[in-house]
Amino acid sequence: MKIMSTDRLSCDLDLAPGGPHNPRGGSETGMTALALGSGAFLALGTLPVLPFLVLLALPLGIAAITSGVRALRRGVAATSAGFASVTGITLGSLGVLGWVGLMALWYLTEQAISH
């Protein structure tokens, strides 16, 4: 897992076997997308208790979508892996859309209060 590169700023979140550092090892499992998507979706549920944790929904959601699409493009080995990838993409999308909705609601509330 490469965290940050100094020559080009990129973040590699592919944790599944057979990633960029080991192209011949293993097959895509889709579990990375599922885990990141679940994290993005669960981050939205923390709004009443830890409101600032909701901010994690956007990067986790984007990472889940990217990881899921990457796994589907490379070809997943089993039907369950494809299901995990699609579920991760769906949960990641819900996390991103929920984050956008909350930010729009926050903006509209600020506008209403300031006038």
C-alpha atoms as a PDB file:
ATOM      1  CA  MET A   1       0.000   0.000   0.000  1.00  0.00           C
ATOM      2  CA  LYS A   2       1.603   3.240  -1.160  1.00  0.00           C
ATOM      3  CA  ILE A   3       0.359   6.160   0.894  1.00  0.00           C
ATOM      4  CA  MET A   4       1.756   9.229  -0.880  1.00  0.00           C
ATOM      5  CA  SER A   5       4.245   9.641  -3.681  1.00  0.00           C
ATOM      6  CA  THR A   6       6.480  12.716  -3.706  1.00  0.00           C
ATOM      7  CA  ASP A   7       6.976  12.849  -7.480  1.00  0.00           C
ATOM      8  CA  ARG A   8       3.245  12.799  -8.162  1.00  0.00           C
ATOM      9  CA  LEU A   9       0.581  13.265  -5.553  1.00  0.00           C
ATOM     10  CA  SER A  10      -1.538  10.156  -5.704  1.00  0.00           C
ATOM     11  CA  CYS A  11      -3.104   7.821  -3.253  1.00  0.00           C
ATOM     12  CA  ASP A  12      -3.316   4.103  -3.970  1.00  0.00           C
ATOM     13  CA  LEU A  13      -6.106   2.448  -1.993  1.00  0.00           C
ATOM     14  CA  ASP A  14      -6.126  -0.927  -3.734  1.00  0.00           C
ATOM     15  CA  LEU A  15      -5.629  -3.315  -0.834  1.00  0.00           C
ATOM     16  CA  ALA A  16      -6.858  -6.441  -2.598  1.00  0.00           C
ATOM     17  CA  PRO A  17      -4.387  -9.124  -3.654  1.00  0.00           C
ATOM     18  CA  GLY A  18      -3.172  -8.679  -7.194  1.00  0.00           C
ATOM     19  CA  GLY A  19      -2.870  -4.911  -6.926  1.00  0.00           C
ATOM     20  CA  PRO A  20      -0.333  -2.712  -8.703  1.00  0.00           C
ATOM     21  CA  HIS A  21       2.585  -4.035  -6.651  1.00  0.00           C
ATOM     22  CA  ASN A  22       1.695  -7.673  -7.224  1.00  0.00           C
ATOM     23  CA  PRO A  23      -0.020  -7.947 -10.625  1.00  0.00           C
ATOM     24  CA  ARG A  24       0.088 -11.746 -10.780  1.00  0.00           C
ATOM     25  CA  GLY A  25      -0.999 -12.542  -7.246  1.00  0.00           C
ATOM     26  CA  GLY A  26      -4.584 -13.431  -6.443  1.00  0.00           C
ATOM     27  CA  SER A  27      -7.808 -12.136  -7.868  1.00  0.00           C
ATOM     28  CA  GLU A  28      -9.928  -9.116  -7.068  1.00  0.00           C
ATOM     29  CA  THR A  29     -12.269  -9.718  -4.177  1.00  0.00           C
ATOM     30  CA  GLY A  30     -14.312  -6.520  -4.068  1.00  0.00           C
ATOM     31  CA  MET A  31     -13.999  -6.458  -0.285  1.00  0.00           C
ATOM     32  CA  THR A  32     -11.987  -3.223  -0.337  1.00  0.00           C
ATOM     33  CA  ALA A  33     -14.854  -1.440  -2.082  1.00  0.00           C
ATOM     34  CA  LEU A  34     -17.353  -2.989   0.309  1.00  0.00           C
ATOM     35  CA  ALA A  35     -15.368  -1.955   3.395  1.00  0.00           C
ATOM     36  CA  LEU A  36     -14.816   1.615   2.167  1.00  0.00           C
ATOM     37  CA  GLY A  37     -18.437   1.968   1.047  1.00  0.00           C
ATOM     38  CA  SER A  38     -19.693   0.706   4.384  1.00  0.00           C
ATOM     39  CA  GLY A  39     -17.432   3.187   6.146  1.00  0.00           C
ATOM     40  CA  ALA A  40     -18.779   6.043   4.019  1.00  0.00           C
ATOM     41  CA  PHE A  41     -22.372   5.038   4.695  1.00  0.00           C
ATOM     42  CA  LEU A  42     -21.783   4.549   8.425  1.00  0.00           C
ATOM     43  CA  ALA A  43     -20.048   7.923   8.674  1.00  0.00           C
ATOM     44  CA  LEU A  44     -23.379   9.519   7.756  1.00  0.00           C
ATOM     45  CA  GLY A  45     -25.023   7.734  10.674  1.00  0.00           C
ATOM     46  CA  THR A  46     -22.698   9.440  13.150  1.00  0.00           C
ATOM     47  CA  LEU A  47     -24.304  12.844  12.541  1.00  0.00           C
ATOM     48  CA  PRO A  48     -26.232  13.022  15.843  1.00  0.00           C
ATOM     49  CA  VAL A  49     -23.265  11.883  17.953  1.00  0.00           C
ATOM     50  CA  LEU A  50     -20.101  12.992  16.141  1.00  0.00           C
ATOM     51  CA  PRO A  51     -21.058  15.574  13.515  1.00  0.00           C
ATOM     52  CA  PHE A  52     -17.536  16.134  12.188  1.00  0.00           C
ATOM     53  CA  LEU A  53     -17.110  12.438  11.406  1.00  0.00           C
ATOM     54  CA  VAL A  54     -19.630  12.951   8.599  1.00  0.00           C
ATOM     55  CA  LEU A  55     -16.856  14.690   6.672  1.00  0.00           C
ATOM     56  CA  LEU A  56     -15.241  11.274   6.156  1.00  0.00           C
ATOM     57  CA  ALA A  57     -18.181  10.154   4.030  1.00  0.00           C
ATOM     58  CA  LEU A  58     -16.878  12.016   0.973  1.00  0.00           C
ATOM     59  CA  PRO A  59     -13.325  10.616   0.756  1.00  0.00           C
ATOM     60  CA  LEU A  60     -14.426   7.125   1.815  1.00  0.00           C
ATOM     61  CA  GLY A  61     -17.243   7.178  -0.724  1.00  0.00           C
ATOM     62  CA  ILE A  62     -14.971   8.277  -3.552  1.00  0.00           C
ATOM     63  CA  ALA A  63     -12.406   5.642  -2.597  1.00  0.00           C
ATOM     64  CA  ALA A  64     -15.117   2.949  -2.509  1.00  0.00           C
ATOM     65  CA  ILE A  65     -16.408   3.897  -5.938  1.00  0.00           C
ATOM     66  CA  THR A  66     -12.889   3.952  -7.388  1.00  0.00           C
ATOM     67  CA  SER A  67     -11.947   0.635  -5.820  1.00  0.00           C
ATOM     68  CA  GLY A  68     -15.180  -1.051  -6.885  1.00  0.00           C
ATOM     69  CA  VAL A  69     -14.920   0.143 -10.468  1.00  0.00           C
ATOM     70  CA  ARG A  70     -11.265  -0.931 -10.586  1.00  0.00           C
ATOM     71  CA  ALA A  71     -12.176  -4.397  -9.309  1.00  0.00           C
ATOM     72  CA  LEU A  72     -14.986  -4.756 -11.852  1.00  0.00           C
ATOM     73  CA  ARG A  73     -12.729  -3.608 -14.688  1.00  0.00           C
ATOM     74  CA  ARG A  74     -10.028  -6.125 -13.799  1.00  0.00           C
ATOM     75  CA  GLY A  75     -12.601  -8.863 -13.570  1.00  0.00           C
ATOM     76  CA  VAL A  76     -13.649 -10.425 -10.307  1.00  0.00           C
ATOM     77  CA  ALA A  77     -13.205 -14.125  -9.759  1.00  0.00           C
ATOM     78  CA  ALA A  78     -16.557 -15.045  -8.254  1.00  0.00           C
ATOM     79  CA  THR A  79     -20.140 -13.853  -8.278  1.00  0.00           C
ATOM     80  CA  SER A  80     -19.863 -12.908  -4.608  1.00  0.00           C
ATOM     81  CA  ALA A  81     -16.858 -10.707  -5.397  1.00  0.00           C
ATOM     82  CA  GLY A  82     -18.831  -8.909  -8.082  1.00  0.00           C
ATOM     83  CA  PHE A  83     -21.702  -8.476  -5.642  1.00  0.00           C
ATOM     84  CA  ALA A  84     -19.293  -7.065  -3.032  1.00  0.00           C
ATOM     85  CA  SER A  85     -17.905  -4.607  -5.586  1.00  0.00           C
ATOM     86  CA  VAL A  86     -21.341  -3.422  -6.696  1.00  0.00           C
ATOM     87  CA  THR A  87     -22.511  -3.135  -3.080  1.00  0.00           C
ATOM     88  CA  GLY A  88     -19.380  -1.132  -2.223  1.00  0.00           C
ATOM     89  CA  ILE A  89     -19.996   1.191  -5.167  1.00  0.00           C
ATOM     90  CA  THR A  90     -23.624   1.631  -4.112  1.00  0.00           C
ATOM     91  CA  LEU A  91     -22.777   2.355  -0.465  1.00  0.00           C
ATOM     92  CA  GLY A  92     -19.976   4.695  -1.533  1.00  0.00           C
ATOM     93  CA  SER A  93     -22.378   6.550  -3.825  1.00  0.00           C
ATOM     94  CA  LEU A  94     -24.890   6.862  -0.989  1.00  0.00           C
ATOM     95  CA  GLY A  95     -22.128   8.228   1.232  1.00  0.00           C
ATOM     96  CA  VAL A  96     -21.138  10.843  -1.367  1.00  0.00           C
ATOM     97  CA  LEU A  97     -24.752  11.807  -2.091  1.00  0.00           C
ATOM     98  CA  GLY A  98     -25.540  11.995   1.620  1.00  0.00           C
ATOM     99  CA  TRP A  99     -22.519  14.220   2.188  1.00  0.00           C
ATOM    100  CA  VAL A 100     -23.577  16.509  -0.663  1.00  0.00           C
ATOM    101  CA  GLY A 101     -27.122  16.652   0.718  1.00  0.00           C
ATOM    102  CA  LEU A 102     -25.916  17.515   4.205  1.00  0.00           C
ATOM    103  CA  MET A 103     -23.617  20.238   2.893  1.00  0.00           C
ATOM    104  CA  ALA A 104     -26.471  21.711   0.817  1.00  0.00           C
ATOM    105  CA  LEU A 105     -28.753  21.615   3.866  1.00  0.00           C
ATOM    106  CA  TRP A 106     -26.064  23.284   5.965  1.00  0.00           C
ATOM    107  CA  TYR A 107     -25.593  26.003   3.331  1.00  0.00           C
ATOM    108  CA  LEU A 108     -29.324  26.659   3.016  1.00  0.00           C
ATOM    109  CA  THR A 109     -29.693  26.794   6.810  1.00  0.00           C
ATOM    110  CA  GLU A 110     -26.825  29.292   7.051  1.00  0.00           C
ATOM    111  CA  GLN A 111     -28.433  31.433   4.363  1.00  0.00           C
ATOM    112  CA  ALA A 112     -31.816  31.359   6.102  1.00  0.00           C
ATOM    113  CA  ILE A 113     -30.322  32.277   9.476  1.00  0.00           C
ATOM    114  CA  SER A 114     -28.155  35.095   8.122  1.00  0.00           C
ATOM    115  CA  HIS A 115     -31.104  36.860   6.459  1.00  0.00           C
END
